[in-house]
């Protein structure tokens, strides 16, 4: 299932849809939001994060929080965001992406391992209550400097 669409490279994406929509094993859902998006994400075996930067994008953080196995475009930001809770493919390389996807499919026992690591990382690093406390501490420290 390919969830999403694009405002960029529309002709390329449309050519993919035209070529692969005839395959009953490939489903293009278009943009999804709310409960349907959460349902797709929570049932995904693998979440592919293709963005070039955007290390802590909302979709990546949601994938972590929902315990997805993450395969992401390599960048410093993304690497720092997912730590060891996912697999990085060579930046902007469809060949590397295909190799990483094939690797994780061939070693499906790793999918559950990465899912667990994603969920644990989200709880440890991206807990909203902890982040709020950190922000409060920054403001308190700034105010004390005055």
N, C-alpha and C. Protein backbone atom coordinates (compact mmCIF):
# COMPACT_ATOMS: atom_id res chain seq x y z
N UNK A 1 0.85 -1.18 0.00
CA UNK A 1 0.00 0.00 0.00
C UNK A 1 0.89 1.23 0.00
N UNK A 2 0.68 2.10 -0.97
CA UNK A 2 1.38 3.38 -1.00
C UNK A 2 0.41 4.44 -0.53
N UNK A 3 0.67 4.95 0.66
CA UNK A 3 -0.18 5.99 1.23
C UNK A 3 0.44 7.33 0.89
N UNK A 4 -0.34 8.21 0.34
CA UNK A 4 0.15 9.54 0.01
C UNK A 4 0.09 9.81 -1.48
N UNK A 5 0.58 10.95 -1.82
CA UNK A 5 0.61 11.42 -3.20
C UNK A 5 1.74 12.44 -3.24
N UNK A 6 1.78 13.23 -4.27
CA UNK A 6 2.84 14.23 -4.34
C UNK A 6 2.36 15.46 -5.10
N UNK A 7 2.87 16.58 -4.69
CA UNK A 7 2.65 17.82 -5.43
C UNK A 7 3.84 18.08 -6.36
N UNK A 8 4.91 17.32 -6.15
CA UNK A 8 6.13 17.46 -6.92
C UNK A 8 6.30 16.22 -7.78
N UNK A 9 6.94 16.34 -8.89
CA UNK A 9 7.21 15.21 -9.77
C UNK A 9 5.92 14.45 -10.10
N UNK A 10 4.86 15.19 -10.32
CA UNK A 10 3.53 14.62 -10.54
C UNK A 10 3.52 13.65 -11.72
N UNK A 11 4.20 14.00 -12.80
CA UNK A 11 4.17 13.12 -13.97
C UNK A 11 4.85 11.78 -13.67
N UNK A 12 5.94 11.81 -12.91
CA UNK A 12 6.62 10.56 -12.55
C UNK A 12 5.71 9.70 -11.67
N UNK A 13 5.10 10.31 -10.66
CA UNK A 13 4.23 9.57 -9.76
C UNK A 13 3.03 9.01 -10.52
N UNK A 14 2.46 9.80 -11.40
CA UNK A 14 1.33 9.32 -12.20
C UNK A 14 1.73 8.16 -13.10
N UNK A 15 2.96 8.19 -13.61
CA UNK A 15 3.42 7.07 -14.45
C UNK A 15 3.57 5.80 -13.61
N UNK A 16 3.99 5.94 -12.34
CA UNK A 16 4.06 4.77 -11.46
C UNK A 16 2.67 4.21 -11.20
N UNK A 17 1.73 5.11 -10.92
CA UNK A 17 0.35 4.65 -10.66
C UNK A 17 -0.21 3.95 -11.90
N UNK A 18 0.03 4.52 -13.06
CA UNK A 18 -0.49 3.93 -14.30
C UNK A 18 0.12 2.55 -14.53
N UNK A 19 1.42 2.43 -14.27
CA UNK A 19 2.13 1.17 -14.52
C UNK A 19 1.75 0.09 -13.52
N UNK A 20 1.59 0.45 -12.24
CA UNK A 20 1.43 -0.56 -11.19
C UNK A 20 0.01 -0.70 -10.65
N UNK A 21 -0.90 0.16 -11.03
CA UNK A 21 -2.27 0.05 -10.54
C UNK A 21 -2.97 -1.21 -11.02
N UNK A 22 -2.49 -1.80 -12.10
CA UNK A 22 -3.11 -3.03 -12.61
C UNK A 22 -2.75 -4.24 -11.75
N UNK A 23 -1.72 -4.10 -10.92
CA UNK A 23 -1.31 -5.18 -10.02
C UNK A 23 -2.21 -5.15 -8.79
N UNK A 24 -2.96 -6.23 -8.54
CA UNK A 24 -3.88 -6.22 -7.39
C UNK A 24 -3.17 -6.20 -6.04
N UNK A 25 -1.86 -6.46 -6.04
CA UNK A 25 -1.09 -6.44 -4.80
C UNK A 25 -0.55 -5.06 -4.45
N UNK A 26 -0.77 -4.09 -5.33
CA UNK A 26 -0.28 -2.73 -5.10
C UNK A 26 -1.48 -1.79 -5.07
N UNK A 27 -1.59 -1.06 -3.97
CA UNK A 27 -2.73 -0.15 -3.79
C UNK A 27 -2.20 1.26 -3.55
N UNK A 28 -2.68 2.21 -4.34
CA UNK A 28 -2.36 3.62 -4.15
C UNK A 28 -3.57 4.26 -3.48
N UNK A 29 -3.39 4.74 -2.25
CA UNK A 29 -4.53 5.29 -1.50
C UNK A 29 -4.72 6.78 -1.70
N UNK A 30 -3.71 7.47 -2.21
CA UNK A 30 -3.75 8.93 -2.22
C UNK A 30 -3.48 9.44 -0.83
N UNK A 31 -3.65 10.74 -0.64
CA UNK A 31 -3.43 11.34 0.67
C UNK A 31 -4.42 10.76 1.68
N UNK A 32 -3.96 10.51 2.88
CA UNK A 32 -4.81 10.00 3.95
C UNK A 32 -4.55 10.83 5.20
N UNK A 33 -5.59 11.04 5.97
CA UNK A 33 -5.48 11.83 7.19
C UNK A 33 -6.28 11.17 8.30
N UNK A 34 -6.05 11.59 9.52
CA UNK A 34 -6.87 11.16 10.64
C UNK A 34 -6.81 9.68 10.90
N UNK A 35 -7.99 9.11 11.17
CA UNK A 35 -8.06 7.70 11.57
C UNK A 35 -7.58 6.74 10.48
N UNK A 36 -7.90 7.02 9.22
CA UNK A 36 -7.45 6.11 8.16
C UNK A 36 -5.94 6.11 8.06
N UNK A 37 -5.32 7.29 8.20
CA UNK A 37 -3.86 7.37 8.17
C UNK A 37 -3.26 6.57 9.32
N UNK A 38 -3.80 6.76 10.53
CA UNK A 38 -3.30 6.04 11.70
C UNK A 38 -3.48 4.53 11.53
N UNK A 39 -4.58 4.13 10.94
CA UNK A 39 -4.82 2.71 10.73
C UNK A 39 -3.79 2.11 9.77
N UNK A 40 -3.54 2.80 8.67
CA UNK A 40 -2.52 2.32 7.74
C UNK A 40 -1.16 2.24 8.42
N UNK A 41 -0.80 3.29 9.14
CA UNK A 41 0.52 3.34 9.79
C UNK A 41 0.66 2.26 10.87
N UNK A 42 -0.36 2.07 11.66
CA UNK A 42 -0.26 1.10 12.75
C UNK A 42 -0.25 -0.34 12.25
N UNK A 43 -0.70 -0.57 11.03
CA UNK A 43 -0.69 -1.91 10.45
C UNK A 43 0.44 -2.12 9.45
N UNK A 44 1.28 -1.13 9.27
CA UNK A 44 2.37 -1.24 8.30
C UNK A 44 3.49 -2.14 8.83
N UNK A 45 3.97 -3.02 8.00
CA UNK A 45 5.17 -3.77 8.36
C UNK A 45 6.41 -2.90 8.19
N UNK A 46 6.41 -2.11 7.14
CA UNK A 46 7.56 -1.25 6.86
C UNK A 46 7.06 0.14 6.48
N UNK A 47 7.66 1.16 7.08
CA UNK A 47 7.37 2.55 6.74
C UNK A 47 8.60 3.10 6.03
N UNK A 48 8.43 3.59 4.81
CA UNK A 48 9.55 4.18 4.06
C UNK A 48 9.46 5.69 4.20
N UNK A 49 10.54 6.27 4.67
CA UNK A 49 10.63 7.73 4.86
C UNK A 49 11.60 8.27 3.81
N UNK A 50 11.07 8.80 2.69
CA UNK A 50 11.94 9.18 1.58
C UNK A 50 12.52 10.59 1.64
N UNK A 51 12.11 11.37 2.65
CA UNK A 51 12.49 12.78 2.67
C UNK A 51 14.00 12.96 2.79
N UNK A 52 14.51 14.02 2.14
CA UNK A 52 15.95 14.29 2.10
C UNK A 52 16.45 14.91 3.40
N UNK A 53 15.66 15.73 4.00
CA UNK A 53 16.02 16.29 5.30
C UNK A 53 14.82 16.03 6.18
N UNK A 54 14.39 16.96 6.96
CA UNK A 54 13.17 16.70 7.74
C UNK A 54 13.40 15.63 8.79
N UNK A 55 14.51 15.64 9.49
CA UNK A 55 14.86 14.59 10.43
C UNK A 55 13.76 14.21 11.38
N UNK A 56 13.10 15.18 11.97
CA UNK A 56 12.03 14.85 12.91
C UNK A 56 10.68 15.31 12.37
N UNK A 57 10.40 14.93 11.15
CA UNK A 57 9.12 15.29 10.55
C UNK A 57 7.99 14.59 11.31
N UNK A 58 6.80 15.18 11.29
CA UNK A 58 5.68 14.56 11.99
C UNK A 58 5.41 13.12 11.54
N UNK A 59 5.52 12.84 10.25
CA UNK A 59 5.24 11.47 9.79
C UNK A 59 6.27 10.48 10.33
N UNK A 60 7.52 10.89 10.43
CA UNK A 60 8.55 10.00 10.97
C UNK A 60 8.32 9.77 12.46
N UNK A 61 8.00 10.82 13.19
CA UNK A 61 7.74 10.67 14.62
C UNK A 61 6.50 9.80 14.86
N UNK A 62 5.49 9.95 14.01
CA UNK A 62 4.30 9.10 14.14
C UNK A 62 4.66 7.64 13.86
N UNK A 63 5.50 7.41 12.85
CA UNK A 63 5.91 6.05 12.54
C UNK A 63 6.66 5.43 13.73
N UNK A 64 7.52 6.21 14.37
CA UNK A 64 8.21 5.72 15.56
C UNK A 64 7.21 5.41 16.66
N UNK A 65 6.31 6.35 16.93
CA UNK A 65 5.35 6.18 18.03
C UNK A 65 4.40 5.02 17.79
N UNK A 66 4.13 4.69 16.53
CA UNK A 66 3.26 3.57 16.21
C UNK A 66 4.03 2.27 16.07
N UNK A 67 5.34 2.33 16.31
CA UNK A 67 6.16 1.12 16.30
C UNK A 67 6.35 0.53 14.93
N UNK A 68 6.59 1.37 13.92
CA UNK A 68 6.83 0.87 12.57
C UNK A 68 8.29 0.49 12.37
N UNK A 69 8.53 -0.45 11.50
CA UNK A 69 9.88 -0.74 11.02
C UNK A 69 10.18 0.34 9.98
N UNK A 70 11.23 1.13 10.21
CA UNK A 70 11.49 2.30 9.39
C UNK A 70 12.68 2.06 8.46
N UNK A 71 12.47 2.38 7.19
CA UNK A 71 13.55 2.42 6.19
C UNK A 71 13.55 3.86 5.69
N UNK A 72 14.66 4.58 5.94
CA UNK A 72 14.67 6.02 5.70
C UNK A 72 15.84 6.46 4.83
N UNK A 73 15.59 7.54 4.09
CA UNK A 73 16.61 8.21 3.28
C UNK A 73 17.70 8.72 4.23
N UNK A 74 18.92 8.43 3.91
CA UNK A 74 20.03 8.77 4.79
C UNK A 74 20.32 10.27 4.79
N UNK A 75 20.30 10.84 5.98
CA UNK A 75 20.73 12.22 6.20
C UNK A 75 21.13 12.30 7.66
N UNK A 76 21.92 13.31 8.00
CA UNK A 76 22.33 13.46 9.40
C UNK A 76 21.11 13.62 10.29
N UNK A 77 20.13 14.40 9.82
CA UNK A 77 18.95 14.67 10.62
C UNK A 77 18.15 13.40 10.88
N UNK A 78 17.93 12.63 9.84
CA UNK A 78 17.14 11.41 9.98
C UNK A 78 17.89 10.38 10.81
N UNK A 79 19.18 10.25 10.57
CA UNK A 79 19.99 9.32 11.35
C UNK A 79 19.93 9.65 12.83
N UNK A 80 20.03 10.93 13.16
CA UNK A 80 19.96 11.35 14.57
C UNK A 80 18.56 11.10 15.13
N UNK A 81 17.54 11.26 14.31
CA UNK A 81 16.16 11.09 14.78
C UNK A 81 15.83 9.63 15.07
N UNK A 82 16.29 8.71 14.21
CA UNK A 82 15.90 7.31 14.40
C UNK A 82 16.96 6.47 15.11
N UNK A 83 18.15 7.04 15.28
CA UNK A 83 19.25 6.31 15.93
C UNK A 83 19.38 4.92 15.32
N UNK A 84 19.26 3.86 16.12
CA UNK A 84 19.36 2.49 15.60
C UNK A 84 18.01 1.82 15.45
N UNK A 85 16.95 2.61 15.41
CA UNK A 85 15.60 2.06 15.34
C UNK A 85 15.10 1.95 13.91
N UNK A 86 16.00 1.93 12.96
CA UNK A 86 15.59 1.80 11.57
C UNK A 86 16.79 1.55 10.68
N UNK A 87 16.51 1.43 9.41
CA UNK A 87 17.54 1.17 8.41
C UNK A 87 17.60 2.38 7.48
N UNK A 88 18.81 2.84 7.20
CA UNK A 88 19.00 3.96 6.29
C UNK A 88 19.42 3.46 4.92
N UNK A 89 18.82 4.03 3.88
CA UNK A 89 19.29 3.72 2.54
C UNK A 89 20.08 4.91 2.02
N UNK A 90 20.96 4.65 1.06
CA UNK A 90 21.83 5.68 0.52
C UNK A 90 20.99 6.84 -0.02
N UNK A 91 21.39 8.02 0.34
CA UNK A 91 20.62 9.22 0.02
C UNK A 91 20.21 9.28 -1.45
N UNK A 92 18.91 9.39 -1.66
CA UNK A 92 18.30 9.56 -2.98
C UNK A 92 18.60 8.43 -3.96
N UNK A 93 18.92 7.25 -3.45
CA UNK A 93 19.25 6.13 -4.32
C UNK A 93 18.12 5.10 -4.32
N UNK A 94 17.42 5.00 -5.44
CA UNK A 94 16.35 4.01 -5.53
C UNK A 94 16.91 2.59 -5.50
N UNK A 95 18.14 2.43 -5.99
CA UNK A 95 18.78 1.11 -5.95
C UNK A 95 19.05 0.71 -4.51
N UNK A 96 19.60 1.63 -3.73
CA UNK A 96 19.86 1.35 -2.32
C UNK A 96 18.56 1.09 -1.56
N UNK A 97 17.52 1.87 -1.86
CA UNK A 97 16.22 1.65 -1.23
C UNK A 97 15.72 0.24 -1.53
N UNK A 98 15.79 -0.16 -2.80
CA UNK A 98 15.33 -1.50 -3.19
C UNK A 98 16.13 -2.57 -2.47
N UNK A 99 17.44 -2.38 -2.34
CA UNK A 99 18.29 -3.35 -1.65
C UNK A 99 17.92 -3.45 -0.17
N UNK A 100 17.69 -2.31 0.48
CA UNK A 100 17.33 -2.32 1.91
C UNK A 100 15.96 -2.95 2.12
N UNK A 101 15.02 -2.64 1.23
CA UNK A 101 13.70 -3.26 1.34
C UNK A 101 13.79 -4.77 1.14
N UNK A 102 14.56 -5.20 0.16
CA UNK A 102 14.72 -6.63 -0.08
C UNK A 102 15.39 -7.29 1.11
N UNK A 103 16.38 -6.63 1.70
CA UNK A 103 17.07 -7.15 2.88
C UNK A 103 16.09 -7.37 4.03
N UNK A 104 15.26 -6.36 4.31
CA UNK A 104 14.34 -6.47 5.44
C UNK A 104 13.25 -7.50 5.16
N UNK A 105 12.83 -7.63 3.90
CA UNK A 105 11.84 -8.64 3.54
C UNK A 105 12.44 -10.04 3.67
N UNK A 106 13.70 -10.19 3.22
CA UNK A 106 14.37 -11.49 3.32
C UNK A 106 14.69 -11.87 4.76
N UNK A 107 14.80 -10.88 5.63
CA UNK A 107 15.11 -11.11 7.04
C UNK A 107 13.95 -10.59 7.89
N UNK A 108 12.78 -11.14 7.63
CA UNK A 108 11.56 -10.61 8.24
C UNK A 108 11.57 -10.66 9.76
N UNK A 109 12.44 -11.48 10.34
CA UNK A 109 12.55 -11.49 11.79
C UNK A 109 13.04 -10.15 12.32
N UNK A 110 13.73 -9.38 11.48
CA UNK A 110 14.21 -8.07 11.90
C UNK A 110 13.09 -7.03 11.96
N UNK A 111 12.00 -7.27 11.24
CA UNK A 111 10.90 -6.31 11.23
C UNK A 111 10.37 -6.10 12.65
N UNK A 112 10.10 -7.18 13.36
CA UNK A 112 9.60 -7.04 14.74
C UNK A 112 10.62 -6.39 15.65
N UNK A 113 11.90 -6.69 15.41
CA UNK A 113 12.96 -6.07 16.21
C UNK A 113 12.97 -4.56 16.00
N UNK A 114 12.92 -4.12 14.74
CA UNK A 114 12.90 -2.68 14.46
C UNK A 114 11.62 -2.03 14.97
N UNK A 115 10.50 -2.73 14.89
CA UNK A 115 9.25 -2.19 15.42
C UNK A 115 9.37 -1.92 16.92
N UNK A 116 9.94 -2.86 17.64
CA UNK A 116 10.12 -2.69 19.09
C UNK A 116 11.07 -1.54 19.39
N UNK A 117 12.16 -1.46 18.62
CA UNK A 117 13.13 -0.39 18.83
C UNK A 117 12.53 0.98 18.52
N UNK A 118 11.68 1.05 17.50
CA UNK A 118 11.01 2.32 17.17
C UNK A 118 10.13 2.79 18.31
N UNK A 119 9.33 1.89 18.81
CA UNK A 119 8.42 2.23 19.90
C UNK A 119 9.19 2.65 21.15
N UNK A 120 10.24 1.92 21.48
CA UNK A 120 11.05 2.25 22.66
C UNK A 120 11.73 3.61 22.49
N UNK A 121 12.24 3.88 21.29
CA UNK A 121 12.88 5.17 21.03
C UNK A 121 11.87 6.31 21.16
N UNK A 122 10.69 6.13 20.62
CA UNK A 122 9.66 7.17 20.70
C UNK A 122 9.34 7.48 22.16
N UNK A 123 9.21 6.45 22.96
CA UNK A 123 8.90 6.64 24.38
C UNK A 123 10.05 7.32 25.12
N UNK A 124 11.28 6.95 24.77
CA UNK A 124 12.45 7.47 25.48
C UNK A 124 12.81 8.89 25.03
N UNK A 125 12.77 9.14 23.73
CA UNK A 125 13.32 10.38 23.19
C UNK A 125 12.26 11.42 22.82
N UNK A 126 11.07 10.99 22.51
CA UNK A 126 10.07 11.91 21.99
C UNK A 126 8.80 11.97 22.84
N UNK A 127 8.92 11.68 24.11
CA UNK A 127 7.80 11.77 25.03
C UNK A 127 7.43 13.24 25.21
N UNK A 128 6.18 13.57 24.93
CA UNK A 128 5.76 14.97 24.95
C UNK A 128 5.91 15.60 26.33
N UNK A 129 5.59 14.89 27.38
CA UNK A 129 5.71 15.44 28.74
C UNK A 129 7.17 15.79 29.05
N UNK A 130 8.08 14.94 28.63
CA UNK A 130 9.51 15.21 28.85
C UNK A 130 9.97 16.42 28.03
N UNK A 131 9.50 16.53 26.81
CA UNK A 131 9.88 17.66 25.96
C UNK A 131 9.36 18.96 26.55
N UNK A 132 8.13 18.94 27.05
CA UNK A 132 7.56 20.14 27.68
C UNK A 132 8.40 20.54 28.89
N UNK A 133 8.79 19.57 29.70
CA UNK A 133 9.64 19.85 30.87
C UNK A 133 10.96 20.47 30.45
N UNK A 134 11.55 19.96 29.39
CA UNK A 134 12.81 20.52 28.89
C UNK A 134 12.63 21.97 28.44
N UNK A 135 11.53 22.25 27.73
CA UNK A 135 11.25 23.63 27.31
C UNK A 135 11.05 24.53 28.53
N UNK A 136 10.31 24.07 29.49
CA UNK A 136 10.09 24.87 30.70
C UNK A 136 11.42 25.19 31.38
N UNK A 137 12.31 24.22 31.44
CA UNK A 137 13.62 24.44 32.06
C UNK A 137 14.44 25.47 31.29
N UNK A 138 14.35 25.46 29.98
CA UNK A 138 15.05 26.46 29.18
C UNK A 138 14.53 27.85 29.53
N UNK A 139 13.21 28.00 29.55
CA UNK A 139 12.62 29.31 29.86
C UNK A 139 12.96 29.75 31.28
N UNK A 140 12.92 28.84 32.22
CA UNK A 140 13.27 29.18 33.60
C UNK A 140 14.72 29.66 33.67
N UNK A 141 15.61 28.95 32.99
CA UNK A 141 17.03 29.34 33.00
C UNK A 141 17.25 30.70 32.33
N UNK A 142 16.54 30.96 31.26
CA UNK A 142 16.66 32.25 30.57
C UNK A 142 16.16 33.36 31.48
N UNK A 143 15.04 33.15 32.12
CA UNK A 143 14.48 34.16 33.01
C UNK A 143 15.38 34.44 34.22
N UNK A 144 16.09 33.44 34.66
CA UNK A 144 16.98 33.61 35.80
C UNK A 144 18.23 34.39 35.43
N UNK A 145 18.56 34.43 34.15
CA UNK A 145 19.74 35.18 33.69
C UNK A 145 19.48 36.67 33.68
N UNK A 146 18.24 37.10 33.68
CA UNK A 146 17.91 38.52 33.60
C UNK A 146 18.07 39.20 34.93
